[in-house]
Amino acid sequence: MSIEKAYNIWANQYDTNENRTRDLDKKCTIETLSSYEFKNVLELGCGTGKNTEWLLTKAEQIIGLDFSQEMLNKATEKITSEKVVFIKADLTQNWEIENEFADLITCSLTLEHIKDLNHIFHQAVLKLKKDAYFFISELHPFKQYAGSKARYETNNGTEELEVYTHHISEYLSEAENNGLKLVELKEWFDEDNTNGLPRLVSFVFQQ
């Protein structure tokens, strides 16, 4: 099954099913970005708008990109603010967004589905203003090494999605190769498993 089709099916239950990764990503996003100021936001892989709602408390304009039309339909049902525009887009192609638009680009639980990180970083640099920030929150590669991947439940059992493993060193090297400097790196653990493997890793890079 294609990733797009899988997320279209997942959309109906994405906000309501038990999902520790989704919930921890929301916490990670809020805790990390609360200390930053931003007006124009480009949200990559915005999905159902789970992080868009909070970003709206700080941002003046948000453009959310996602390749799943059903996910975007859920987002537009929840969020009717004139400050937000949701666009169906393939992030592996050039992004049809004005260069130097964003004070902040966010990318949450998206890059495990994208093979070529260099393309993402290159496009991000084009769309960021000078001194702006690129925030990434992804499933920790340690969890991937242990067999974790994006999945959801269906009437026929568990549906696992095709994913790519990106090592922490890969994120850092691709950022450096595209002229971004690391501001923050943090690993995020489940509250009941702080001595186990971290579930997420987050980065803040600056243009």
N, C-alpha and C. Protein backbone atom coordinates (compact mmCIF):
# COMPACT_ATOMS: atom_id res chain seq x y z
N MET A 1 0.84 -1.20 0.00
CA MET A 1 0.00 0.00 0.00
C MET A 1 0.88 1.25 0.00
N SER A 2 0.52 2.24 -0.82
CA SER A 2 1.30 3.48 -0.87
C SER A 2 1.14 4.24 0.45
N ILE A 3 2.13 5.08 0.76
CA ILE A 3 2.07 5.89 1.97
C ILE A 3 0.87 6.83 1.93
N GLU A 4 0.63 7.43 0.78
CA GLU A 4 -0.50 8.35 0.66
C GLU A 4 -1.82 7.65 0.94
N LYS A 5 -2.02 6.47 0.35
CA LYS A 5 -3.25 5.73 0.58
C LYS A 5 -3.38 5.32 2.04
N ALA A 6 -2.28 4.91 2.65
CA ALA A 6 -2.30 4.49 4.04
C ALA A 6 -2.72 5.64 4.96
N TYR A 7 -2.18 6.83 4.72
CA TYR A 7 -2.54 7.97 5.56
C TYR A 7 -3.96 8.43 5.28
N ASN A 8 -4.43 8.29 4.07
CA ASN A 8 -5.83 8.60 3.79
C ASN A 8 -6.77 7.71 4.60
N ILE A 9 -6.41 6.44 4.73
CA ILE A 9 -7.21 5.52 5.53
C ILE A 9 -7.07 5.84 7.02
N TRP A 10 -5.85 6.15 7.44
CA TRP A 10 -5.54 6.40 8.85
C TRP A 10 -6.23 7.67 9.36
N ALA A 11 -6.53 8.60 8.46
CA ALA A 11 -7.02 9.93 8.84
C ALA A 11 -8.23 9.87 9.78
N ASN A 12 -9.14 8.93 9.54
CA ASN A 12 -10.37 8.87 10.34
C ASN A 12 -10.13 8.53 11.79
N GLN A 13 -9.03 7.88 12.10
CA GLN A 13 -8.76 7.50 13.47
C GLN A 13 -7.48 8.13 14.04
N TYR A 14 -6.79 8.95 13.25
CA TYR A 14 -5.47 9.44 13.66
C TYR A 14 -5.53 10.23 14.96
N ASP A 15 -6.55 11.07 15.11
CA ASP A 15 -6.63 11.93 16.30
C ASP A 15 -7.19 11.21 17.52
N THR A 16 -7.79 10.04 17.34
CA THR A 16 -8.52 9.42 18.45
C THR A 16 -7.93 8.10 18.92
N ASN A 17 -7.16 7.41 18.09
CA ASN A 17 -6.63 6.12 18.54
C ASN A 17 -5.48 6.33 19.52
N GLU A 18 -5.16 5.31 20.26
CA GLU A 18 -4.04 5.40 21.20
C GLU A 18 -2.75 5.49 20.41
N ASN A 19 -1.97 6.53 20.66
CA ASN A 19 -0.76 6.76 19.87
C ASN A 19 0.23 7.55 20.70
N ARG A 20 1.14 6.86 21.34
CA ARG A 20 2.11 7.53 22.21
C ARG A 20 3.04 8.44 21.42
N THR A 21 3.39 8.04 20.22
CA THR A 21 4.30 8.84 19.40
C THR A 21 3.66 10.17 19.05
N ARG A 22 2.41 10.14 18.60
CA ARG A 22 1.67 11.37 18.28
C ARG A 22 1.57 12.28 19.49
N ASP A 23 1.22 11.71 20.64
CA ASP A 23 1.03 12.53 21.84
C ASP A 23 2.34 13.13 22.33
N LEU A 24 3.41 12.35 22.28
CA LEU A 24 4.70 12.88 22.72
C LEU A 24 5.22 13.94 21.75
N ASP A 25 4.92 13.77 20.47
CA ASP A 25 5.32 14.79 19.50
C ASP A 25 4.64 16.13 19.80
N LYS A 26 3.38 16.10 20.16
CA LYS A 26 2.68 17.35 20.50
C LYS A 26 3.33 18.01 21.70
N LYS A 27 3.66 17.23 22.72
CA LYS A 27 4.33 17.77 23.91
C LYS A 27 5.70 18.33 23.53
N CYS A 28 6.43 17.59 22.73
CA CYS A 28 7.76 18.02 22.28
C CYS A 28 7.68 19.34 21.53
N THR A 29 6.70 19.46 20.64
CA THR A 29 6.55 20.67 19.84
C THR A 29 6.26 21.88 20.72
N ILE A 30 5.33 21.74 21.63
CA ILE A 30 4.95 22.86 22.49
C ILE A 30 6.09 23.26 23.41
N GLU A 31 6.70 22.28 24.06
CA GLU A 31 7.76 22.60 25.02
C GLU A 31 8.97 23.23 24.33
N THR A 32 9.28 22.76 23.13
CA THR A 32 10.46 23.29 22.44
C THR A 32 10.19 24.68 21.88
N LEU A 33 9.08 24.85 21.20
CA LEU A 33 8.85 26.09 20.45
C LEU A 33 8.24 27.21 21.29
N SER A 34 7.86 26.92 22.52
CA SER A 34 7.31 27.97 23.38
C SER A 34 8.32 29.09 23.62
N SER A 35 9.58 28.79 23.54
CA SER A 35 10.61 29.79 23.84
C SER A 35 11.06 30.57 22.60
N TYR A 36 10.44 30.30 21.44
CA TYR A 36 10.82 30.98 20.20
C TYR A 36 9.69 31.91 19.75
N GLU A 37 10.07 32.99 19.10
CA GLU A 37 9.10 33.91 18.51
C GLU A 37 9.05 33.69 17.01
N PHE A 38 7.84 33.67 16.45
CA PHE A 38 7.69 33.47 15.00
C PHE A 38 6.34 34.02 14.55
N LYS A 39 6.30 34.48 13.30
CA LYS A 39 5.07 35.00 12.72
C LYS A 39 4.57 34.14 11.57
N ASN A 40 5.46 33.85 10.62
CA ASN A 40 5.08 33.06 9.45
C ASN A 40 5.64 31.65 9.58
N VAL A 41 4.76 30.66 9.55
CA VAL A 41 5.16 29.27 9.78
C VAL A 41 4.82 28.43 8.55
N LEU A 42 5.76 27.59 8.16
CA LEU A 42 5.53 26.56 7.14
C LEU A 42 5.57 25.22 7.85
N GLU A 43 4.43 24.52 7.86
CA GLU A 43 4.32 23.27 8.60
C GLU A 43 4.34 22.10 7.61
N LEU A 44 5.41 21.33 7.64
CA LEU A 44 5.58 20.19 6.74
C LEU A 44 4.93 18.95 7.36
N GLY A 45 4.13 18.24 6.57
CA GLY A 45 3.45 17.06 7.12
C GLY A 45 2.48 17.45 8.21
N CYS A 46 1.66 18.46 7.95
CA CYS A 46 0.76 19.00 8.98
C CYS A 46 -0.32 18.02 9.40
N GLY A 47 -0.63 17.05 8.53
CA GLY A 47 -1.61 16.02 8.88
C GLY A 47 -2.97 16.60 9.22
N THR A 48 -3.52 16.17 10.36
CA THR A 48 -4.85 16.61 10.78
C THR A 48 -4.82 17.94 11.51
N GLY A 49 -3.68 18.59 11.54
CA GLY A 49 -3.57 19.88 12.22
C GLY A 49 -3.35 19.76 13.72
N LYS A 50 -2.83 18.61 14.17
CA LYS A 50 -2.67 18.39 15.61
C LYS A 50 -1.73 19.41 16.24
N ASN A 51 -0.72 19.86 15.51
CA ASN A 51 0.18 20.89 16.04
C ASN A 51 -0.19 22.28 15.54
N THR A 52 -0.96 22.35 14.47
CA THR A 52 -1.37 23.64 13.92
C THR A 52 -2.15 24.44 14.94
N GLU A 53 -3.01 23.78 15.69
CA GLU A 53 -3.84 24.47 16.67
C GLU A 53 -2.99 25.24 17.67
N TRP A 54 -1.93 24.61 18.16
CA TRP A 54 -1.07 25.32 19.11
C TRP A 54 -0.23 26.39 18.41
N LEU A 55 0.30 26.10 17.24
CA LEU A 55 1.11 27.08 16.51
C LEU A 55 0.32 28.36 16.28
N LEU A 56 -0.99 28.24 16.12
CA LEU A 56 -1.85 29.41 15.91
C LEU A 56 -1.86 30.35 17.10
N THR A 57 -1.53 29.86 18.28
CA THR A 57 -1.50 30.73 19.46
C THR A 57 -0.35 31.71 19.41
N LYS A 58 0.62 31.47 18.52
CA LYS A 58 1.78 32.34 18.42
C LYS A 58 1.97 32.95 17.03
N ALA A 59 1.55 32.23 16.00
CA ALA A 59 1.84 32.62 14.62
C ALA A 59 0.76 33.57 14.06
N GLU A 60 1.17 34.37 13.08
CA GLU A 60 0.24 35.24 12.36
C GLU A 60 -0.22 34.61 11.04
N GLN A 61 0.59 33.71 10.50
CA GLN A 61 0.24 33.03 9.26
C GLN A 61 0.88 31.65 9.25
N ILE A 62 0.10 30.64 8.85
CA ILE A 62 0.60 29.27 8.77
C ILE A 62 0.20 28.67 7.42
N ILE A 63 1.15 28.06 6.76
CA ILE A 63 0.88 27.25 5.58
C ILE A 63 1.20 25.80 5.94
N GLY A 64 0.20 24.95 5.87
CA GLY A 64 0.39 23.54 6.19
C GLY A 64 0.41 22.70 4.92
N LEU A 65 1.46 21.90 4.77
CA LEU A 65 1.60 21.04 3.59
C LEU A 65 1.47 19.57 4.01
N ASP A 66 0.75 18.80 3.21
CA ASP A 66 0.65 17.36 3.46
C ASP A 66 0.25 16.68 2.15
N PHE A 67 0.66 15.42 1.99
CA PHE A 67 0.32 14.71 0.75
C PHE A 67 -0.97 13.91 0.86
N SER A 68 -1.56 13.86 2.06
CA SER A 68 -2.79 13.10 2.26
C SER A 68 -3.99 14.04 2.25
N GLN A 69 -4.84 13.91 1.26
CA GLN A 69 -6.02 14.78 1.18
C GLN A 69 -6.97 14.52 2.34
N GLU A 70 -7.09 13.28 2.77
CA GLU A 70 -8.00 12.96 3.87
C GLU A 70 -7.51 13.57 5.18
N MET A 71 -6.19 13.56 5.40
CA MET A 71 -5.63 14.23 6.57
C MET A 71 -5.94 15.73 6.52
N LEU A 72 -5.76 16.33 5.36
CA LEU A 72 -6.04 17.75 5.20
C LEU A 72 -7.53 18.06 5.39
N ASN A 73 -8.39 17.16 4.96
CA ASN A 73 -9.81 17.35 5.19
C ASN A 73 -10.13 17.43 6.68
N LYS A 74 -9.50 16.56 7.46
CA LYS A 74 -9.69 16.60 8.92
C LYS A 74 -9.17 17.91 9.49
N ALA A 75 -8.03 18.37 8.98
CA ALA A 75 -7.45 19.63 9.47
C ALA A 75 -8.39 20.81 9.19
N THR A 76 -8.95 20.85 8.00
CA THR A 76 -9.82 21.97 7.65
C THR A 76 -11.15 21.92 8.40
N GLU A 77 -11.57 20.73 8.82
CA GLU A 77 -12.76 20.63 9.65
C GLU A 77 -12.52 21.22 11.03
N LYS A 78 -11.33 21.01 11.57
CA LYS A 78 -11.01 21.46 12.92
C LYS A 78 -10.61 22.93 12.98
N ILE A 79 -9.91 23.39 11.95
CA ILE A 79 -9.28 24.71 12.01
C ILE A 79 -9.84 25.58 10.89
N THR A 80 -10.54 26.64 11.27
CA THR A 80 -11.18 27.51 10.28
C THR A 80 -10.59 28.91 10.29
N SER A 81 -9.47 29.10 10.97
CA SER A 81 -8.85 30.41 11.07
C SER A 81 -8.39 30.91 9.70
N GLU A 82 -8.59 32.20 9.47
CA GLU A 82 -8.11 32.82 8.23
C GLU A 82 -6.59 32.91 8.19
N LYS A 83 -5.95 32.64 9.30
CA LYS A 83 -4.49 32.68 9.37
C LYS A 83 -3.85 31.43 8.76
N VAL A 84 -4.66 30.41 8.50
CA VAL A 84 -4.13 29.10 8.09
C VAL A 84 -4.58 28.73 6.68
N VAL A 85 -3.64 28.23 5.89
CA VAL A 85 -3.93 27.67 4.58
C VAL A 85 -3.35 26.27 4.53
N PHE A 86 -4.16 25.29 4.16
CA PHE A 86 -3.69 23.91 4.00
C PHE A 86 -3.59 23.59 2.52
N ILE A 87 -2.46 22.99 2.12
CA ILE A 87 -2.21 22.70 0.71
C ILE A 87 -1.74 21.26 0.55
N LYS A 88 -2.33 20.55 -0.38
CA LYS A 88 -1.85 19.19 -0.71
C LYS A 88 -0.56 19.32 -1.51
N ALA A 89 0.49 18.68 -1.04
CA ALA A 89 1.80 18.84 -1.67
C ALA A 89 2.65 17.61 -1.43
N ASP A 90 3.50 17.33 -2.38
CA ASP A 90 4.49 16.25 -2.29
C ASP A 90 5.82 16.89 -1.88
N LEU A 91 6.27 16.62 -0.67
CA LEU A 91 7.48 17.26 -0.15
C LEU A 91 8.74 16.80 -0.87
N THR A 92 8.64 15.71 -1.62
CA THR A 92 9.82 15.24 -2.35
C THR A 92 10.02 16.02 -3.65
N GLN A 93 9.06 16.88 -3.98
CA GLN A 93 9.18 17.78 -5.13
C GLN A 93 9.48 19.19 -4.61
N ASN A 94 9.76 20.13 -5.52
CA ASN A 94 9.99 21.51 -5.10
C ASN A 94 8.72 22.09 -4.48
N TRP A 95 8.87 22.80 -3.38
CA TRP A 95 7.72 23.33 -2.67
C TRP A 95 7.29 24.65 -3.31
N GLU A 96 6.03 24.74 -3.65
CA GLU A 96 5.51 25.94 -4.32
C GLU A 96 5.14 27.00 -3.29
N ILE A 97 6.15 27.42 -2.56
CA ILE A 97 6.00 28.42 -1.50
C ILE A 97 7.01 29.53 -1.77
N GLU A 98 6.64 30.75 -1.49
CA GLU A 98 7.53 31.89 -1.71
C GLU A 98 8.85 31.71 -0.94
N ASN A 99 9.97 31.96 -1.59
CA ASN A 99 11.25 31.90 -0.91
C ASN A 99 11.32 32.95 0.20
N GLU A 100 12.02 32.60 1.26
CA GLU A 100 12.20 33.46 2.43
C GLU A 100 10.85 33.86 3.04
N PHE A 101 9.93 32.93 3.03
CA PHE A 101 8.61 33.17 3.63
C PHE A 101 8.62 32.99 5.14
N ALA A 102 9.32 31.98 5.63
CA ALA A 102 9.08 31.46 6.97
C ALA A 102 10.07 31.97 8.02
N ASP A 103 9.51 32.33 9.17
CA ASP A 103 10.31 32.53 10.39
C ASP A 103 10.60 31.19 11.04
N LEU A 104 9.71 30.24 10.77
CA LEU A 104 9.82 28.90 11.35
C LEU A 104 9.27 27.88 10.38
N ILE A 105 10.02 26.80 10.18
CA ILE A 105 9.52 25.62 9.48
C ILE A 105 9.48 24.49 10.50
N THR A 106 8.36 23.77 10.55
CA THR A 106 8.25 22.61 11.43
C THR A 106 8.06 21.35 10.60
N CYS A 107 8.57 20.26 11.11
CA CYS A 107 8.44 18.97 10.42
C CYS A 107 8.34 17.89 11.48
N SER A 108 7.15 17.31 11.63
CA SER A 108 6.91 16.35 12.71
C SER A 108 6.45 15.00 12.15
N LEU A 109 7.16 13.95 12.53
CA LEU A 109 6.79 12.57 12.21
C LEU A 109 6.55 12.40 10.71
N THR A 110 7.42 12.97 9.93
CA THR A 110 7.26 13.00 8.48
C THR A 110 8.47 12.42 7.75
N LEU A 111 9.66 12.69 8.26
CA LEU A 111 10.87 12.38 7.50
C LEU A 111 11.19 10.89 7.44
N GLU A 112 10.57 10.09 8.29
CA GLU A 112 10.80 8.64 8.19
C GLU A 112 10.17 8.09 6.90
N HIS A 113 9.30 8.88 6.27
CA HIS A 113 8.68 8.45 5.02
C HIS A 113 9.39 9.04 3.79
N ILE A 114 10.45 9.78 4.02
CA ILE A 114 11.16 10.45 2.92
C ILE A 114 12.61 9.96 2.88
N LYS A 115 13.02 9.46 1.74
CA LYS A 115 14.35 8.88 1.62
C LYS A 115 15.45 9.93 1.57
N ASP A 116 15.22 10.99 0.79
CA ASP A 116 16.27 11.98 0.51
C ASP A 116 16.15 13.18 1.44
N LEU A 117 16.90 13.18 2.53
CA LEU A 117 16.87 14.30 3.47
C LEU A 117 17.48 15.56 2.87
N ASN A 118 18.45 15.40 1.98
CA ASN A 118 19.10 16.58 1.42
C ASN A 118 18.09 17.48 0.71
N HIS A 119 17.14 16.88 0.00
CA HIS A 119 16.13 17.67 -0.69
C HIS A 119 15.31 18.49 0.30
N ILE A 120 14.95 17.88 1.42
CA ILE A 120 14.16 18.58 2.44
C ILE A 120 14.93 19.76 3.01
N PHE A 121 16.17 19.53 3.37
CA PHE A 121 16.97 20.61 3.94
C PHE A 121 17.22 21.71 2.91
N HIS A 122 17.46 21.33 1.67
CA HIS A 122 17.70 22.33 0.62
C HIS A 122 16.47 23.21 0.42
N GLN A 123 15.30 22.59 0.34
CA GLN A 123 14.07 23.36 0.18
C GLN A 123 13.80 24.24 1.40
N ALA A 124 14.07 23.70 2.57
CA ALA A 124 13.85 24.48 3.80
C ALA A 124 14.70 25.74 3.81
N VAL A 125 15.95 25.61 3.41
CA VAL A 125 16.84 26.77 3.39
C VAL A 125 16.30 27.85 2.45
N LEU A 126 15.73 27.43 1.33
CA LEU A 126 15.17 28.40 0.39
C LEU A 126 13.98 29.15 0.99
N LYS A 127 13.19 28.48 1.78
CA LYS A 127 11.94 29.06 2.29
C LYS A 127 12.13 29.81 3.60
N LEU A 128 13.26 29.63 4.26
CA LEU A 128 13.52 30.29 5.54
C LEU A 128 14.06 31.71 5.33
N LYS A 129 13.62 32.61 6.19
CA LYS A 129 14.23 33.92 6.25
C LYS A 129 15.61 33.81 6.93
N LYS A 130 16.40 34.84 6.82
CA LYS A 130 17.69 34.86 7.51
C LYS A 130 17.47 34.78 9.02
N ASP A 131 18.25 33.94 9.66
CA ASP A 131 18.21 33.71 11.11
C ASP A 131 16.95 32.97 11.57
N ALA A 132 16.13 32.47 10.64
CA ALA A 132 14.92 31.74 11.00
C ALA A 132 15.26 30.31 11.42
N TYR A 133 14.22 29.58 11.90
CA TYR A 133 14.45 28.27 12.53
C TYR A 133 13.74 27.13 11.78
N PHE A 134 14.39 25.97 11.83
CA PHE A 134 13.85 24.73 11.27
C PHE A 134 13.76 23.72 12.41
N PHE A 135 12.53 23.39 12.81
CA PHE A 135 12.28 22.46 13.90
C PHE A 135 11.88 21.10 13.34
N ILE A 136 12.53 20.05 13.82
CA ILE A 136 12.25 18.69 13.39
C ILE A 136 11.98 17.83 14.62
N SER A 137 10.90 17.05 14.57
CA SER A 137 10.59 16.07 15.60
C SER A 137 10.28 14.75 14.90
N GLU A 138 11.06 13.72 15.20
CA GLU A 138 10.90 12.45 14.49
C GLU A 138 11.06 11.27 15.44
N LEU A 139 10.53 10.12 15.01
CA LEU A 139 10.77 8.89 15.74
C LEU A 139 12.27 8.67 15.87
N HIS A 140 12.71 8.40 17.08
CA HIS A 140 14.15 8.24 17.33
C HIS A 140 14.67 7.02 16.56
N PRO A 141 15.83 7.16 15.92
CA PRO A 141 16.36 5.99 15.20
C PRO A 141 16.60 4.79 16.10
N PHE A 142 16.86 5.03 17.39
CA PHE A 142 17.02 3.89 18.30
C PHE A 142 15.75 3.03 18.33
N LYS A 143 14.58 3.69 18.30
CA LYS A 143 13.31 2.95 18.26
C LYS A 143 13.18 2.19 16.95
N GLN A 144 13.65 2.82 15.86
CA GLN A 144 13.60 2.14 14.57
C GLN A 144 14.52 0.93 14.56
N TYR A 145 15.70 1.06 15.15
CA TYR A 145 16.62 -0.08 15.23
C TYR A 145 15.96 -1.26 15.94
N ALA A 146 15.06 -0.93 16.91
CA ALA A 146 14.39 -1.97 17.69
C ALA A 146 13.11 -2.47 17.02
N GLY A 147 12.81 -1.93 15.84
CA GLY A 147 11.67 -2.43 15.06
C GLY A 147 10.44 -1.56 15.03
N SER A 148 10.46 -0.40 15.71
CA SER A 148 9.30 0.48 15.70
C SER A 148 9.16 1.18 14.35
N LYS A 149 7.92 1.38 13.94
CA LYS A 149 7.64 2.15 12.72
C LYS A 149 6.20 2.63 12.79
N ALA A 150 5.85 3.57 11.91
CA ALA A 150 4.47 4.07 11.88
C ALA A 150 3.53 2.92 11.55
N ARG A 151 2.45 2.83 12.33
CA ARG A 151 1.47 1.75 12.12
C ARG A 151 0.13 2.18 12.69
N TYR A 152 -0.93 1.56 12.20
CA TYR A 152 -2.26 1.82 12.73
C TYR A 152 -3.08 0.54 12.60
N GLU A 153 -4.18 0.49 13.37
CA GLU A 153 -5.01 -0.71 13.41
C GLU A 153 -6.14 -0.62 12.39
N THR A 154 -6.42 -1.73 11.72
CA THR A 154 -7.55 -1.82 10.79
C THR A 154 -8.39 -3.03 11.18
N ASN A 155 -9.51 -3.20 10.50
CA ASN A 155 -10.37 -4.37 10.76
C ASN A 155 -9.64 -5.67 10.41
N ASN A 156 -8.64 -5.57 9.55
CA ASN A 156 -7.89 -6.75 9.13
C ASN A 156 -6.57 -6.91 9.87
N GLY A 157 -6.37 -6.11 10.93
CA GLY A 157 -5.13 -6.20 11.69
C GLY A 157 -4.31 -4.94 11.60
N THR A 158 -3.05 -5.02 12.00
CA THR A 158 -2.16 -3.86 12.03
C THR A 158 -1.58 -3.58 10.65
N GLU A 159 -1.66 -2.32 10.22
CA GLU A 159 -1.09 -1.90 8.94
C GLU A 159 0.20 -1.12 9.23
N GLU A 160 1.33 -1.65 8.76
CA GLU A 160 2.62 -0.98 8.95
C GLU A 160 2.98 -0.22 7.68
N LEU A 161 3.55 0.98 7.87
CA LEU A 161 3.90 1.83 6.74
C LEU A 161 5.36 1.68 6.38
N GLU A 162 5.66 1.89 5.11
CA GLU A 162 7.05 1.86 4.66
C GLU A 162 7.79 3.06 5.24
N VAL A 163 8.96 2.80 5.80
CA VAL A 163 9.73 3.88 6.42
C VAL A 163 11.21 3.76 6.06
N TYR A 164 11.92 4.87 6.27
CA TYR A 164 13.37 4.92 6.11
C TYR A 164 13.98 5.30 7.45
N THR A 165 15.11 4.72 7.76
CA THR A 165 15.82 5.06 8.99
C THR A 165 16.85 6.13 8.71
N HIS A 166 16.75 7.25 9.42
CA HIS A 166 17.73 8.33 9.32
C HIS A 166 18.44 8.45 10.66
N HIS A 167 19.75 8.25 10.64
CA HIS A 167 20.55 8.32 11.86
C HIS A 167 20.72 9.78 12.29
N ILE A 168 20.95 9.99 13.58
CA ILE A 168 21.13 11.35 14.08
C ILE A 168 22.27 12.05 13.33
N SER A 169 23.33 11.32 13.05
CA SER A 169 24.45 11.91 12.33
C SER A 169 24.03 12.38 10.93
N GLU A 170 23.05 11.70 10.33
CA GLU A 170 22.58 12.10 9.01
C GLU A 170 21.85 13.44 9.06
N TYR A 171 20.99 13.61 10.06
CA TYR A 171 20.32 14.91 10.23
C TYR A 171 21.36 16.03 10.38
N LEU A 172 22.35 15.78 11.21
CA LEU A 172 23.35 16.81 11.50
C LEU A 172 24.19 17.13 10.27
N SER A 173 24.59 16.11 9.54
CA SER A 173 25.43 16.35 8.37
C SER A 173 24.67 17.03 7.25
N GLU A 174 23.40 16.65 7.03
CA GLU A 174 22.60 17.28 5.98
C GLU A 174 22.34 18.75 6.33
N ALA A 175 22.10 19.02 7.59
CA ALA A 175 21.90 20.41 8.01
C ALA A 175 23.17 21.23 7.76
N GLU A 176 24.30 20.69 8.17
CA GLU A 176 25.57 21.40 7.97
C GLU A 176 25.86 21.61 6.49
N ASN A 177 25.60 20.59 5.69
CA ASN A 177 25.86 20.69 4.25
C ASN A 177 25.01 21.78 3.59
N ASN A 178 23.87 22.10 4.21
CA ASN A 178 22.99 23.12 3.66
C ASN A 178 23.09 24.45 4.40
N GLY A 179 24.11 24.59 5.22
CA GLY A 179 24.39 25.87 5.85
C GLY A 179 23.57 26.18 7.09
N LEU A 180 22.96 25.16 7.70
CA LEU A 180 22.20 25.37 8.92
C LEU A 180 23.03 24.99 10.13
N LYS A 181 22.87 25.73 11.21
CA LYS A 181 23.61 25.42 12.43
C LYS A 181 22.65 24.85 13.48
N LEU A 182 23.15 23.92 14.27
CA LEU A 182 22.34 23.28 15.31
C LEU A 182 22.21 24.21 16.51
N VAL A 183 20.96 24.42 16.94
CA VAL A 183 20.67 25.22 18.13
C VAL A 183 20.31 24.33 19.31
N GLU A 184 19.48 23.31 19.04
CA GLU A 184 19.05 22.39 20.10
C GLU A 184 18.95 20.98 19.55
N LEU A 185 19.26 20.01 20.38
CA LEU A 185 19.01 18.59 20.11
C LEU A 185 18.55 17.98 21.42
N LYS A 186 17.41 17.30 21.39
CA LYS A 186 16.88 16.69 22.61
C LYS A 186 16.25 15.35 22.29
N GLU A 187 16.41 14.41 23.21
CA GLU A 187 15.76 13.10 23.11
C GLU A 187 14.59 13.06 24.09
N TRP A 188 13.48 12.46 23.63
CA TRP A 188 12.24 12.48 24.38
C TRP A 188 11.82 11.05 24.73
N PHE A 189 11.50 10.83 26.01
CA PHE A 189 11.18 9.50 26.53
C PHE A 189 9.71 9.43 26.95
N ASP A 190 9.16 8.22 26.89
CA ASP A 190 7.85 8.00 27.50
C ASP A 190 7.97 8.22 29.01
N GLU A 191 6.94 8.81 29.61
CA GLU A 191 7.00 9.14 31.03
C GLU A 191 7.19 7.91 31.90
N ASP A 192 6.67 6.77 31.47
CA ASP A 192 6.78 5.55 32.28
C ASP A 192 7.97 4.68 31.87
N ASN A 193 8.85 5.24 31.04
CA ASN A 193 9.99 4.44 30.55
C ASN A 193 11.21 5.33 30.32
N THR A 194 11.53 6.15 31.32
CA THR A 194 12.62 7.11 31.15
C THR A 194 13.99 6.45 31.12
N ASN A 195 14.07 5.19 31.50
CA ASN A 195 15.35 4.47 31.45
C ASN A 195 15.46 3.58 30.22
N GLY A 196 14.43 3.59 29.38
CA GLY A 196 14.44 2.78 28.18
C GLY A 196 14.93 3.57 26.98
N LEU A 197 14.54 3.13 25.80
CA LEU A 197 14.92 3.83 24.58
C LEU A 197 14.13 5.12 24.45
N PRO A 198 14.75 6.20 24.00
CA PRO A 198 13.98 7.41 23.72
C PRO A 198 13.03 7.16 22.56
N ARG A 199 11.83 7.75 22.64
CA ARG A 199 10.84 7.56 21.58
C ARG A 199 11.08 8.54 20.42
N LEU A 200 11.40 9.78 20.76
CA LEU A 200 11.56 10.82 19.74
C LEU A 200 12.91 11.51 19.87
N VAL A 201 13.33 12.13 18.78
CA VAL A 201 14.46 13.04 18.81
C VAL A 201 14.00 14.33 18.14
N SER A 202 14.41 15.46 18.71
CA SER A 202 14.05 16.74 18.12
C SER A 202 15.30 17.59 17.90
N PHE A 203 15.22 18.41 16.87
CA PHE A 203 16.30 19.32 16.51
C PHE A 203 15.71 20.70 16.26
N VAL A 204 16.47 21.72 16.62
CA VAL A 204 16.21 23.07 16.14
C VAL A 204 17.46 23.54 15.42
N PHE A 205 17.32 23.81 14.14
CA PHE A 205 18.42 24.38 13.34
C PHE A 205 18.09 25.82 13.01
N GLN A 206 19.14 26.59 12.78
CA GLN A 206 18.94 27.99 12.42
C GLN A 206 19.62 28.31 11.10
N GLN A 207 18.94 29.11 10.31
CA GLN A 207 19.45 29.56 9.01
C GLN A 207 20.67 30.47 9.18
